[in-house]
Amino acid sequence: MSQVTHRSRTLSPYETGGPGTRPLPPRPAWFVEGALAAGLGLGALTVLVLLLWIVSPYPESSAGEALRIAADLWLLGHGSSLVRTETLSGVPAPIGLTPLLLAVLPVWLLYRAFVQALAAGGKSAEEADVAAKAAQDSGSAPRAERDGDALTPLLCVAGGYLVTAAVAVLFASAGPVRADVLSALVRLPLFVVCVALAAMWPAWVRTAPEPSNEASAHAGSGPAPRQQPYGRRSPVRGEARTLARRLNPSRTALTAVGVLCGGGLLVTLGAVLWHLDEVQAAFPRLAGDSWTGQSAVLLLVLALLPNAAVWAASYGLGPGFALGASTGTGAGTGSGARLPSFPLLEALPGADGDYGLLVFAAASAVPLAAGVLIGRRVGYAAVPEPGRRTGATGRQGTVCVVALVAGECAAGVAVLAAFSGGALGTGAMASLGPSWWWAGAAAFLWSVLVGVPVALVLRAWRLRDGDPGDEWHATASRRARWTALKTASGGLMPDFEPRRD
């Protein structure tokens, strides 16, 4: 009987997959699952690098060096720094700028492995309630070893991924461009921890405790404890929590971050089109007339396009981004430093002129759109039924949820800004990208200053007016119209209520 109950239990949020979801392997195989996630990402880059090496008419390196380049790019996609030893000055040059496009595949593979591990190791909410009730009836504490068992597949996946990464670091620690071992020891575990937290976040949101009513718990055992000092804060907190569950703040914040990055990408592409001649002239200056070399430069430009989108979003937010150790690019300022001839750098706005003001105006509209999106979604969720105050969220609760979404959006922007910047050498290329904490703070201010008024105005409008179409088709409105028609007909209409479809 117990086996039947276990087989028919409700699936946890992690176990619900779409069509084509492969069956979950047993727990001892999760270490291999983590190693496989790392190997797939490394193998994809290896195939791309070897393809360029094969089609190159005069390759300057061997196949082993091409494999090391693939390992270098894979480590660089995780945020780990590289060191270029062969330079004109003889001083090793760091390479710490992470092309965000290279991080997409490793993040997706590791996230997928973590989600499946949590699905295998976790238990459903129904089983958790049964176990807690049984422990309460018996007077004993709940078994805590189940939580450790639930995290065992997660730790196995992380271990397999990190072991594979360690092998890649050892393989890429030699050559003209080698991996920085100290940077890899810090950045790779941090990368794994961040992806693991992102995988566990939906479960934390779904299993957050509901506000409890202490008065009902003590109804049969004497007077309830007085909570007068917290009475004024409880309604606002309860409304904000209810609105947050109805809205899904994480999804709204993720959409706002997507609006920021998407708008930044449009601004970047517009700047590239404006300087199309200079951008095209940069390709032969870097790679000569070789089509394979220019193809490699084009792939590098595509890999850095997400970085440019984040930089453009930071430019619109206000803090701007740095180009050089003492150079900032923000509202109305230019680079002022001599930078290498790279296609994306040719599209930078100048210090003055109509073009710089046009780019800044277009970039400033991006955070405005993100703030309007946050306010619109929160405002609609604050009043689920237009024209009715029943179930509607108050002003303070609405403002609290806007601040919550703004905080999550700011955290996402800060993470992207931190990963999008870095060094590509020494001198003017020693510091590139935005400041992560300035970008996060600006994103929070924009979201709050724009989102709060939009949410409050939309909430008031929905409470006052409502949707005429919903009121026309409501049951009370239909019955009132039927009664008026029957009275005006003089008894010709039948005496029954209209059927509701």
Protein backbone atom coordinates (compact mmCIF):
# COMPACT_ATOMS: atom_id res chain seq x y z
CA MET A 1 0.00 0.00 0.00
CA SER A 2 2.84 2.33 0.81
CA GLN A 3 4.41 1.63 -2.55
CA VAL A 4 1.20 2.57 -4.35
CA THR A 5 0.97 5.81 -2.38
CA HIS A 6 4.55 6.65 -3.24
CA ARG A 7 4.05 6.00 -6.94
CA SER A 8 0.90 8.12 -7.13
CA ARG A 9 2.24 11.10 -5.22
CA THR A 10 1.99 14.62 -6.59
CA LEU A 11 5.02 15.62 -8.62
CA SER A 12 7.20 18.41 -7.29
CA PRO A 13 7.70 21.58 -9.35
CA TYR A 14 11.08 20.29 -10.56
CA GLU A 15 9.70 16.95 -11.76
CA THR A 16 7.15 18.42 -14.14
CA GLY A 17 8.86 18.48 -17.50
CA GLY A 18 7.63 18.95 -21.01
CA PRO A 19 7.50 16.41 -23.77
CA GLY A 20 10.80 14.70 -24.42
CA THR A 21 12.07 14.98 -20.83
CA ARG A 22 14.43 12.08 -20.31
CA PRO A 23 14.08 9.90 -17.18
CA LEU A 24 16.05 10.89 -14.13
CA PRO A 25 19.18 8.79 -13.46
CA PRO A 26 19.85 7.27 -10.03
CA ARG A 27 21.68 9.30 -7.40
CA PRO A 28 25.13 7.71 -7.89
CA ALA A 29 25.05 8.89 -11.52
CA TRP A 30 24.66 12.62 -10.68
CA PHE A 31 28.43 13.06 -10.52
CA VAL A 32 28.62 11.83 -14.11
CA GLU A 33 25.69 14.12 -14.94
CA GLY A 34 27.67 17.15 -13.76
CA ALA A 35 30.75 16.05 -15.68
CA LEU A 36 28.58 15.52 -18.77
CA ALA A 37 27.15 19.05 -18.48
CA ALA A 38 30.68 20.46 -18.42
CA GLY A 39 31.84 18.19 -21.22
CA LEU A 40 29.01 19.16 -23.56
CA GLY A 41 29.80 22.86 -23.23
CA LEU A 42 33.51 22.24 -23.67
CA GLY A 43 32.89 19.97 -26.65
CA ALA A 44 30.72 22.55 -28.44
CA LEU A 45 33.50 25.15 -28.29
CA THR A 46 36.08 22.55 -29.30
CA VAL A 47 34.13 21.70 -32.45
CA LEU A 48 33.87 25.38 -33.38
CA VAL A 49 37.57 26.08 -32.81
CA LEU A 50 38.70 22.96 -34.67
CA LEU A 51 36.42 23.86 -37.57
CA LEU A 52 38.09 27.27 -37.88
CA TRP A 53 41.51 25.63 -37.57
CA ILE A 54 40.72 23.12 -40.32
CA VAL A 55 39.38 25.65 -42.83
CA SER A 56 42.27 28.05 -42.22
CA PRO A 57 44.65 27.85 -45.23
CA TYR A 58 47.79 28.58 -43.21
CA PRO A 59 47.25 27.75 -39.53
CA GLU A 60 49.96 29.13 -37.27
CA SER A 61 49.37 26.61 -34.48
CA SER A 62 48.99 22.87 -34.09
CA ALA A 63 45.86 20.93 -33.26
CA GLY A 64 46.94 20.81 -29.61
CA GLU A 65 47.10 24.60 -29.46
CA ALA A 66 43.63 24.78 -31.01
CA LEU A 67 42.34 22.48 -28.26
CA ARG A 68 43.96 24.73 -25.64
CA ILE A 69 42.24 27.75 -27.20
CA ALA A 70 38.91 25.94 -26.89
CA ALA A 71 39.61 25.23 -23.21
CA ASP A 72 40.63 28.87 -22.71
CA LEU A 73 37.38 30.11 -24.24
CA TRP A 74 35.34 27.70 -22.11
CA LEU A 75 37.04 28.90 -18.93
CA LEU A 76 36.65 32.51 -20.04
CA GLY A 77 32.91 31.92 -20.41
CA HIS A 78 32.79 31.03 -16.70
CA GLY A 79 34.39 34.32 -15.66
CA SER A 80 37.89 32.90 -15.18
CA SER A 81 40.77 35.11 -16.34
CA LEU A 82 43.46 34.25 -18.86
CA VAL A 83 47.04 35.49 -19.21
CA ARG A 84 48.70 36.28 -22.54
CA THR A 85 52.43 35.79 -22.16
CA GLU A 86 53.64 36.74 -25.67
CA THR A 87 53.33 40.54 -25.85
CA LEU A 88 55.38 43.26 -27.52
CA SER A 89 56.45 44.73 -24.18
CA GLY A 90 57.28 41.36 -22.65
CA VAL A 91 54.88 41.98 -19.75
CA PRO A 92 52.08 39.40 -19.45
CA ALA A 93 48.70 40.89 -20.32
CA PRO A 94 45.53 39.77 -18.51
CA ILE A 95 42.34 38.79 -20.33
CA GLY A 96 39.47 39.07 -17.91
CA LEU A 97 36.52 40.23 -20.02
CA THR A 98 33.94 37.45 -20.27
CA PRO A 99 32.00 37.27 -23.56
CA LEU A 100 28.49 36.73 -22.22
CA LEU A 101 27.45 34.70 -25.26
CA LEU A 102 30.03 32.08 -24.30
CA ALA A 103 28.37 31.77 -20.88
CA VAL A 104 24.89 30.97 -22.23
CA LEU A 105 25.49 27.29 -23.01
CA PRO A 106 27.38 26.44 -19.77
CA VAL A 107 24.72 28.20 -17.70
CA TRP A 108 21.89 26.35 -19.44
CA LEU A 109 23.56 22.92 -19.20
CA LEU A 110 24.48 23.31 -15.53
CA TYR A 111 21.09 24.79 -14.64
CA ARG A 112 19.33 21.89 -16.34
CA ALA A 113 21.45 19.37 -14.43
CA PHE A 114 20.75 21.13 -11.12
CA VAL A 115 16.99 21.22 -11.77
CA GLN A 116 16.90 17.51 -12.50
CA ALA A 117 19.00 16.80 -9.41
CA LEU A 118 16.60 18.77 -7.24
CA ALA A 119 13.68 16.90 -8.76
CA ALA A 120 15.26 13.57 -7.90
CA GLY A 121 16.38 14.50 -4.42
CA GLY A 122 13.43 16.65 -3.31
CA LYS A 123 10.05 15.55 -2.12
CA SER A 124 6.64 16.99 -2.81
CA ALA A 125 4.81 19.36 -0.51
CA GLU A 126 2.19 16.64 0.19
CA GLU A 127 4.85 14.24 1.48
CA ALA A 128 6.41 17.00 3.59
CA ASP A 129 3.03 17.79 5.20
CA VAL A 130 2.37 14.11 5.96
CA ALA A 131 5.81 13.69 7.53
CA ALA A 132 5.44 16.84 9.63
CA LYS A 133 1.95 15.82 10.84
CA ALA A 134 3.15 12.33 11.74
CA ALA A 135 6.06 13.76 13.70
CA GLN A 136 3.72 16.14 15.53
CA ASP A 137 1.31 13.34 16.45
CA SER A 138 4.12 11.16 17.77
CA GLY A 139 5.67 14.03 19.70
CA SER A 140 9.07 13.62 18.02
CA ALA A 141 11.02 16.00 15.84
CA PRO A 142 10.92 15.60 12.06
CA ARG A 143 13.70 13.62 10.48
CA ALA A 144 16.37 16.04 9.29
CA GLU A 145 18.38 13.54 7.30
CA ARG A 146 15.87 13.80 4.45
CA ASP A 147 17.05 17.35 3.74
CA GLY A 148 20.61 16.12 3.48
CA ASP A 149 19.48 13.36 1.13
CA ALA A 150 17.69 15.94 -1.00
CA LEU A 151 20.89 17.97 -1.45
CA THR A 152 23.10 14.96 -2.19
CA PRO A 153 22.41 14.90 -5.98
CA LEU A 154 22.95 18.65 -6.08
CA LEU A 155 26.38 18.34 -4.51
CA CYS A 156 27.25 15.45 -6.80
CA VAL A 157 26.41 17.51 -9.90
CA ALA A 158 28.55 20.39 -8.62
CA GLY A 159 31.42 18.02 -7.86
CA GLY A 160 31.37 16.45 -11.31
CA TYR A 161 31.27 19.85 -12.99
CA LEU A 162 34.15 21.24 -10.91
CA VAL A 163 36.32 18.14 -11.45
CA THR A 164 35.92 18.50 -15.21
CA ALA A 165 36.71 22.21 -14.91
CA ALA A 166 39.86 21.40 -12.93
CA VAL A 167 41.04 19.11 -15.73
CA ALA A 168 40.40 21.90 -18.24
CA VAL A 169 42.40 24.35 -16.10
CA LEU A 170 45.36 21.97 -15.93
CA PHE A 171 45.22 21.42 -19.69
CA ALA A 172 45.02 25.17 -20.43
CA SER A 173 47.73 26.20 -17.93
CA ALA A 174 50.43 26.11 -20.66
CA GLY A 175 50.83 27.92 -23.95
CA PRO A 176 50.96 31.55 -25.08
CA VAL A 177 47.48 32.13 -23.68
CA ARG A 178 47.12 30.20 -20.44
CA ALA A 179 44.54 29.97 -17.71
CA ASP A 180 45.01 31.94 -14.50
CA VAL A 181 44.87 29.23 -11.84
CA LEU A 182 44.11 31.56 -8.94
CA SER A 183 41.27 33.18 -10.84
CA ALA A 184 39.86 29.77 -11.76
CA LEU A 185 39.95 28.64 -8.11
CA VAL A 186 37.70 31.56 -7.19
CA ARG A 187 35.51 32.14 -10.24
CA LEU A 188 34.55 28.57 -11.16
CA PRO A 189 33.09 27.62 -7.73
CA LEU A 190 31.36 31.00 -7.61
CA PHE A 191 29.84 30.32 -11.04
CA VAL A 192 28.55 26.92 -9.89
CA VAL A 193 27.10 28.39 -6.68
CA CYS A 194 25.28 31.15 -8.57
CA VAL A 195 23.69 28.69 -10.99
CA ALA A 196 22.71 26.40 -8.10
CA LEU A 197 21.01 29.28 -6.29
CA ALA A 198 19.15 30.21 -9.47
CA ALA A 199 17.96 26.60 -9.78
CA MET A 200 16.75 26.49 -6.16
CA TRP A 201 15.06 29.90 -6.21
CA PRO A 202 11.71 28.74 -7.74
CA ALA A 203 11.33 26.12 -5.00
CA TRP A 204 11.98 28.69 -2.29
CA VAL A 205 9.34 30.99 -3.77
CA ARG A 206 6.74 28.19 -4.06
CA THR A 207 7.34 26.83 -0.55
CA ALA A 208 7.41 30.19 1.26
CA PRO A 209 5.15 29.98 4.34
CA GLU A 210 1.78 31.66 4.23
CA PRO A 211 0.88 34.23 6.90
CA SER A 212 -0.46 32.29 9.87
CA ASN A 213 -3.31 33.31 12.15
CA GLU A 214 -2.17 32.90 15.73
CA ALA A 215 -5.62 33.68 17.10
CA SER A 216 -7.17 30.62 15.44
CA ALA A 217 -4.34 28.43 16.68
CA HIS A 218 -5.07 29.39 20.30
CA ALA A 219 -8.87 29.47 19.94
CA GLY A 220 -9.43 26.36 22.02
CA SER A 221 -6.58 26.71 24.50
CA GLY A 222 -7.09 30.08 26.14
CA PRO A 223 -6.67 33.66 25.06
CA ALA A 224 -4.43 34.40 22.12
CA PRO A 225 -1.17 36.29 22.76
CA ARG A 226 -1.40 40.01 22.18
CA GLN A 227 0.40 41.29 19.08
CA GLN A 228 -0.56 44.92 19.32
CA PRO A 229 2.91 46.35 18.48
CA TYR A 230 2.83 44.55 15.13
CA GLY A 231 -0.86 45.06 14.32
CA ARG A 232 -0.27 47.99 12.02
CA ARG A 233 2.34 46.23 9.95
CA SER A 234 0.56 42.91 9.53
CA PRO A 235 -2.09 44.02 6.98
CA VAL A 236 0.45 45.67 4.70
CA ARG A 237 2.78 42.70 4.93
CA GLY A 238 -0.05 40.28 4.22
CA GLU A 239 -1.29 42.29 1.24
CA ALA A 240 2.22 42.57 -0.17
CA ARG A 241 2.79 38.84 0.23
CA THR A 242 -0.52 38.02 -1.44
CA LEU A 243 0.23 40.38 -4.32
CA ALA A 244 3.72 38.90 -4.68
CA ARG A 245 2.29 35.40 -4.95
CA ARG A 246 -0.22 36.60 -7.53
CA LEU A 247 2.35 38.53 -9.55
CA ASN A 248 5.49 36.32 -9.47
CA PRO A 249 8.04 39.13 -8.84
CA SER A 250 11.00 37.10 -10.09
CA ARG A 251 9.45 36.66 -13.51
CA THR A 252 8.55 40.35 -13.68
CA ALA A 253 12.08 41.36 -12.68
CA LEU A 254 13.55 38.97 -15.24
CA THR A 255 11.32 40.50 -17.92
CA ALA A 256 12.45 43.99 -16.90
CA VAL A 257 16.10 42.93 -17.15
CA GLY A 258 15.30 41.51 -20.59
CA VAL A 259 13.78 44.85 -21.61
CA LEU A 260 16.92 46.65 -20.44
CA CYS A 261 19.26 44.30 -22.29
CA GLY A 262 17.05 44.16 -25.38
CA GLY A 263 16.84 47.94 -25.52
CA GLY A 264 20.59 48.16 -25.03
CA LEU A 265 21.07 45.75 -27.93
CA LEU A 266 18.88 47.91 -30.18
CA VAL A 267 20.88 51.00 -29.22
CA THR A 268 24.13 49.14 -29.96
CA LEU A 269 22.94 47.95 -33.36
CA GLY A 270 21.76 51.47 -34.18
CA ALA A 271 25.19 52.87 -33.30
CA VAL A 272 26.88 50.20 -35.45
CA LEU A 273 24.67 51.09 -38.41
CA TRP A 274 25.43 54.79 -37.90
CA HIS A 275 29.20 54.05 -38.10
CA LEU A 276 28.92 51.20 -40.58
CA ASP A 277 31.87 52.38 -42.72
CA GLU A 278 34.22 52.62 -39.75
CA VAL A 279 33.04 49.25 -38.43
CA GLN A 280 33.65 47.55 -41.78
CA ALA A 281 37.10 49.13 -42.08
CA ALA A 282 38.13 47.67 -38.72
CA PHE A 283 37.89 44.05 -39.94
CA PRO A 284 40.79 44.13 -42.47
CA ARG A 285 42.92 46.18 -40.08
CA LEU A 286 42.66 43.38 -37.51
CA ALA A 287 42.70 40.25 -39.67
CA GLY A 288 44.08 41.37 -43.04
CA ASP A 289 42.55 39.98 -46.21
CA SER A 290 42.13 36.45 -44.87
CA TRP A 291 38.45 35.51 -44.79
CA THR A 292 39.07 33.01 -42.01
CA GLY A 293 40.63 35.72 -39.86
CA GLN A 294 37.78 38.12 -40.56
CA SER A 295 35.30 35.33 -39.78
CA ALA A 296 37.02 34.83 -36.42
CA VAL A 297 36.76 38.57 -35.72
CA LEU A 298 33.07 38.47 -36.68
CA LEU A 299 32.48 35.58 -34.25
CA LEU A 300 34.25 37.57 -31.54
CA VAL A 301 32.01 40.56 -32.26
CA LEU A 302 28.91 38.35 -32.00
CA ALA A 303 30.17 36.89 -28.72
CA LEU A 304 30.63 40.40 -27.32
CA LEU A 305 27.26 41.77 -28.49
CA PRO A 306 25.54 40.85 -25.17
CA ASN A 307 28.32 42.70 -23.34
CA ALA A 308 27.72 45.74 -25.53
CA ALA A 309 23.99 45.50 -24.80
CA VAL A 310 24.64 45.55 -21.05
CA TRP A 311 27.03 48.49 -21.48
CA ALA A 312 24.45 50.40 -23.51
CA ALA A 313 21.81 49.71 -20.84
CA SER A 314 24.21 51.02 -18.18
CA TYR A 315 24.84 54.04 -20.40
CA GLY A 316 21.10 54.74 -20.42
CA LEU A 317 20.78 54.16 -16.68
CA GLY A 318 23.28 56.95 -16.02
CA PRO A 319 26.54 55.51 -14.61
CA GLY A 320 27.89 54.65 -18.05
CA PHE A 321 30.84 52.33 -18.60
CA ALA A 322 34.60 52.65 -18.35
CA LEU A 323 37.03 52.52 -21.24
CA GLY A 324 40.49 52.61 -19.72
CA ALA A 325 41.79 53.02 -16.21
CA SER A 326 40.71 56.67 -15.92
CA THR A 327 38.11 57.01 -18.66
CA GLY A 328 34.37 57.00 -18.23
CA THR A 329 31.62 57.05 -20.80
CA GLY A 330 28.35 58.38 -19.49
CA ALA A 331 25.86 61.13 -20.10
CA GLY A 332 27.53 63.67 -22.31
CA THR A 333 31.09 62.37 -21.92
CA GLY A 334 33.30 60.67 -24.42
CA SER A 335 36.05 58.12 -24.22
CA GLY A 336 38.98 60.45 -24.77
CA ALA A 337 41.49 57.56 -24.87
CA ARG A 338 43.22 55.94 -27.80
CA LEU A 339 41.57 52.56 -28.18
CA PRO A 340 42.39 49.70 -30.56
CA SER A 341 40.59 49.49 -33.86
CA PHE A 342 37.83 47.03 -32.99
CA PRO A 343 34.43 47.01 -34.76
CA LEU A 344 32.33 47.57 -31.63
CA LEU A 345 34.64 50.30 -30.34
CA GLU A 346 34.24 52.20 -33.60
CA ALA A 347 30.54 52.73 -32.75
CA LEU A 348 31.15 54.61 -29.49
CA PRO A 349 29.46 58.01 -29.13
CA GLY A 350 31.68 61.05 -29.19
CA ALA A 351 32.14 63.70 -26.54
CA ASP A 352 29.86 66.20 -28.29
CA GLY A 353 27.63 66.57 -31.31
CA ASP A 354 24.12 65.57 -32.17
CA TYR A 355 25.04 61.88 -32.41
CA GLY A 356 26.06 61.64 -28.74
CA LEU A 357 22.87 63.35 -27.59
CA LEU A 358 20.78 61.12 -29.87
CA VAL A 359 22.36 57.96 -28.50
CA PHE A 360 21.91 59.15 -24.92
CA ALA A 361 18.25 60.02 -25.54
CA ALA A 362 17.59 56.61 -27.09
CA ALA A 363 19.44 54.84 -24.29
CA SER A 364 17.54 56.79 -21.61
CA ALA A 365 14.25 55.50 -23.00
CA VAL A 366 15.32 51.92 -22.20
CA PRO A 367 15.17 52.16 -18.36
CA LEU A 368 12.01 54.23 -18.69
CA ALA A 369 10.37 51.35 -20.59
CA ALA A 370 11.55 48.85 -17.97
CA GLY A 371 10.08 50.97 -15.16
CA VAL A 372 6.77 51.32 -16.98
CA LEU A 373 6.67 47.55 -17.47
CA ILE A 374 7.18 46.93 -13.75
CA GLY A 375 4.53 49.47 -12.77
CA ARG A 376 2.03 48.16 -15.30
CA ARG A 377 2.32 44.55 -14.18
CA VAL A 378 2.16 45.40 -10.50
CA GLY A 379 -0.77 47.76 -11.05
CA TYR A 380 -2.78 45.16 -12.94
CA ALA A 381 -2.05 42.47 -10.35
CA ALA A 382 -2.96 44.83 -7.48
CA VAL A 383 -6.60 44.93 -8.69
CA PRO A 384 -7.46 41.49 -10.07
CA GLU A 385 -11.11 42.41 -10.78
CA PRO A 386 -11.59 45.89 -12.27
CA GLY A 387 -13.97 48.14 -10.37
CA ARG A 388 -14.01 45.94 -7.22
CA ARG A 389 -12.10 46.56 -4.03
CA THR A 390 -12.56 42.98 -2.86
CA GLY A 391 -9.19 41.29 -3.15
CA ALA A 392 -7.44 44.51 -4.22
CA THR A 393 -4.10 45.46 -2.70
CA GLY A 394 -3.64 48.74 -0.85
CA ARG A 395 -1.28 51.50 -1.82
CA GLN A 396 1.42 50.56 0.68
CA GLY A 397 1.37 46.93 -0.34
CA THR A 398 1.61 47.92 -4.01
CA VAL A 399 4.61 50.14 -3.30
CA CYS A 400 6.29 47.34 -1.34
CA VAL A 401 5.91 44.89 -4.23
CA VAL A 402 7.26 47.45 -6.71
CA ALA A 403 10.28 47.88 -4.44
CA LEU A 404 10.69 44.09 -4.29
CA VAL A 405 10.63 43.75 -8.06
CA ALA A 406 12.99 46.73 -8.37
CA GLY A 407 15.43 45.06 -5.97
CA GLU A 408 15.45 41.81 -7.94
CA CYS A 409 15.86 43.74 -11.19
CA ALA A 410 18.76 45.69 -9.69
CA ALA A 411 20.40 42.45 -8.56
CA GLY A 412 20.14 41.02 -12.07
CA VAL A 413 21.58 44.16 -13.64
CA ALA A 414 24.44 44.19 -11.11
CA VAL A 415 25.34 40.57 -11.88
CA LEU A 416 25.31 41.18 -15.63
CA ALA A 417 27.37 44.35 -15.24
CA ALA A 418 29.93 42.52 -13.09
CA PHE A 419 30.30 39.67 -15.60
CA SER A 420 30.29 41.90 -18.69
CA GLY A 421 33.36 43.94 -17.75
CA GLY A 422 37.00 43.13 -17.29
CA ALA A 423 40.45 43.62 -18.78
CA LEU A 424 41.67 42.97 -22.30
CA GLY A 425 45.27 43.93 -21.75
CA THR A 426 47.13 46.80 -20.13
CA GLY A 427 46.95 50.56 -20.44
CA ALA A 428 43.72 51.77 -22.04
CA MET A 429 42.36 48.22 -22.13
CA ALA A 430 42.97 47.45 -18.45
CA SER A 431 39.45 48.37 -17.35
CA LEU A 432 36.40 47.93 -19.54
CA GLY A 433 32.74 47.87 -18.66
CA PRO A 434 30.35 49.39 -16.13
CA SER A 435 30.59 49.48 -12.35
CA TRP A 436 28.30 46.73 -11.07
CA TRP A 437 27.13 48.49 -7.92
CA TRP A 438 26.51 51.82 -9.66
CA ALA A 439 24.54 50.04 -12.39
CA GLY A 440 22.50 48.10 -9.83
CA ALA A 441 21.74 51.21 -7.78
CA ALA A 442 20.68 53.14 -10.88
CA ALA A 443 18.44 50.28 -12.01
CA PHE A 444 16.75 50.23 -8.60
CA LEU A 445 16.15 54.00 -8.63
CA TRP A 446 14.77 53.99 -12.16
CA SER A 447 12.45 51.06 -11.37
CA VAL A 448 11.11 52.66 -8.20
CA LEU A 449 10.80 56.23 -9.46
CA VAL A 450 9.00 55.15 -12.62
CA GLY A 451 7.27 51.97 -11.44
CA VAL A 452 5.62 53.33 -8.28
CA PRO A 453 3.66 56.18 -9.96
CA VAL A 454 2.62 53.94 -12.86
CA ALA A 455 1.45 51.17 -10.51
CA LEU A 456 -0.50 53.54 -8.25
CA VAL A 457 -2.16 55.38 -11.14
CA LEU A 458 -3.11 52.13 -12.85
CA ARG A 459 -4.42 50.72 -9.56
CA ALA A 460 -6.61 53.80 -8.99
CA TRP A 461 -7.90 53.72 -12.56
CA ARG A 462 -8.87 50.05 -12.34
CA LEU A 463 -10.63 50.61 -9.01
CA ARG A 464 -12.59 53.59 -10.31
CA ASP A 465 -13.58 52.61 -13.81
CA GLY A 466 -13.25 48.91 -14.28
CA ASP A 467 -13.85 47.09 -17.54
CA PRO A 468 -17.26 47.89 -19.13
CA GLY A 469 -17.21 44.60 -21.03
CA ASP A 470 -16.90 42.58 -17.82
CA GLU A 471 -19.70 44.53 -16.14
CA TRP A 472 -22.00 44.07 -19.16
CA HIS A 473 -21.57 40.28 -19.07
CA ALA A 474 -21.72 39.98 -15.28
CA THR A 475 -24.57 37.92 -13.80
CA ALA A 476 -26.09 40.82 -11.84
CA SER A 477 -26.12 43.08 -14.90
CA ARG A 478 -27.74 40.41 -17.07
CA ARG A 479 -30.46 39.73 -14.49
CA ALA A 480 -31.21 43.47 -14.16
CA ARG A 481 -31.56 43.83 -17.92
CA TRP A 482 -33.81 40.76 -18.08
CA THR A 483 -36.08 42.11 -15.32
CA ALA A 484 -36.38 45.49 -17.08
CA LEU A 485 -37.25 43.83 -20.38
CA LYS A 486 -39.85 41.55 -18.78
CA THR A 487 -41.49 44.50 -17.03
CA ALA A 488 -41.61 46.55 -20.22
CA SER A 489 -43.08 43.63 -22.24
CA GLY A 490 -46.29 43.53 -20.20
CA GLY A 491 -46.03 39.82 -19.37
CA LEU A 492 -45.17 38.62 -22.88
CA MET A 493 -41.69 37.38 -21.88
CA PRO A 494 -41.37 34.06 -19.97
CA ASP A 495 -40.74 34.10 -16.23
CA PHE A 496 -37.32 32.45 -15.95
CA GLU A 497 -33.81 33.70 -15.34
CA PRO A 498 -31.41 33.87 -18.25
CA ARG A 499 -29.05 30.92 -18.56
CA ARG A 500 -25.43 31.79 -18.00
CA ASP A 501 -23.18 30.35 -20.69
